[in-house]
Protein backbone atom coordinates (compact mmCIF):
# COMPACT_ATOMS: atom_id res chain seq x y z
CA GLU A 1 -24.33 19.60 25.90
CA ALA A 2 -22.83 16.09 24.58
CA GLY A 3 -19.16 15.62 23.72
CA ASN A 4 -19.53 12.96 21.11
CA PRO A 5 -20.25 15.54 18.23
CA HIS A 6 -17.37 17.77 19.08
CA ASN A 7 -15.11 14.42 18.92
CA GLN A 8 -16.58 13.62 15.39
CA ILE A 9 -16.07 17.27 14.43
CA ALA A 10 -12.27 17.07 15.71
CA VAL A 11 -11.49 13.52 13.44
CA LEU A 12 -12.77 15.47 10.48
CA CYS A 13 -10.67 18.55 11.36
CA THR A 14 -7.44 15.75 11.45
CA TYR A 15 -8.45 14.55 8.34
CA LYS A 16 -8.18 17.64 6.69
CA THR A 17 -5.00 18.51 8.40
CA ASP A 18 -6.21 21.32 10.60
CA ASP A 19 -4.56 19.83 13.79
CA LEU A 20 -5.09 23.13 15.67
CA ALA A 21 -9.09 22.76 15.33
CA GLY A 22 -8.83 19.18 15.97
CA VAL A 23 -7.24 19.85 19.38
CA TYR A 24 -9.93 22.45 20.00
CA ARG A 25 -12.69 20.26 19.27
CA TYR A 26 -11.34 17.42 21.37
CA VAL A 27 -10.69 19.93 24.50
CA ARG A 28 -14.58 20.79 23.45
CA ALA A 29 -15.59 17.24 23.37
CA LEU A 30 -14.18 16.46 27.19
CA ALA A 31 -15.37 19.90 28.72
CA CYS A 32 -19.17 19.10 27.91
CA ARG A 33 -21.60 18.14 30.28
CA LEU A 34 -21.58 14.94 28.86
CA PRO A 35 -17.73 14.30 28.19
CA PHE A 36 -16.88 11.98 25.12
CA ALA A 37 -13.95 10.08 27.10
CA THR A 38 -12.54 8.81 24.03
CA ALA A 39 -11.60 12.12 22.95
CA ARG A 40 -8.72 12.23 25.17
CA GLU A 41 -7.19 9.30 23.49
CA ASN A 42 -7.76 10.58 20.33
CA MET A 43 -5.94 13.97 21.51
CA MET A 44 -2.99 12.19 22.57
CA LEU A 45 -2.40 10.19 19.40
CA LEU A 46 -2.68 13.80 17.66
CA PHE A 47 -0.01 15.01 20.01
CA ASP A 48 2.09 11.87 19.34
CA LYS A 49 1.87 12.52 15.83
CA ASN A 50 2.91 15.96 15.89
CA ARG A 51 5.55 15.30 18.33
CA GLY A 52 7.06 12.71 15.68
CA LYS A 53 6.54 15.53 12.96
CA ALA A 54 8.43 18.25 15.05
CA GLU A 55 11.43 15.77 16.04
CA ARG A 56 11.82 14.79 12.42
CA LEU A 57 12.08 18.40 11.42
CA LEU A 58 14.57 19.13 14.07
CA GLN A 59 16.88 16.32 13.00
CA GLU A 60 16.79 17.70 9.68
CA ARG A 61 17.46 21.24 10.84
CA ARG A 62 20.57 19.80 12.93
CA SER A 63 22.00 17.70 9.91
CA GLY A 64 22.00 20.73 7.70
CA GLY A 65 19.38 19.42 5.30
CA LYS A 66 16.21 21.13 3.95
CA ARG A 67 13.28 19.56 3.20
CA LYS A 68 10.32 21.18 1.31
CA THR A 69 6.90 20.71 2.71
CA ARG A 70 3.70 20.59 0.83
CA LYS A 71 3.44 24.32 0.58
CA GLY A 72 6.90 24.86 -0.59
CA ASN A 73 8.27 26.20 2.69
CA SER A 74 11.61 24.87 4.02
CA ALA A 75 11.58 22.85 7.45
CA GLU A 76 13.89 25.45 8.81
CA ARG A 77 11.57 28.54 7.92
CA LEU A 78 8.59 26.29 9.79
CA LEU A 79 10.71 25.91 12.88
CA GLN A 80 11.53 29.82 12.69
CA GLU A 81 7.71 31.04 12.78
């Protein structure tokens, strides 16, 4: 099994902001008999992007500000889940 198709699906997942499915597909791309090496770099970029989001949410929480997300939930509620 080749990892390239899994990497391509992972990229599509991140375009529709389904980061968990993206991580799963990147792992599959790396765990195949013919791994797609670039999937590791792509997964690291995804982790970095999410780390930045988490840091911004924590800063907002500490400062007492509440930011509405696209779905209307406050950042604080997202952190509690």
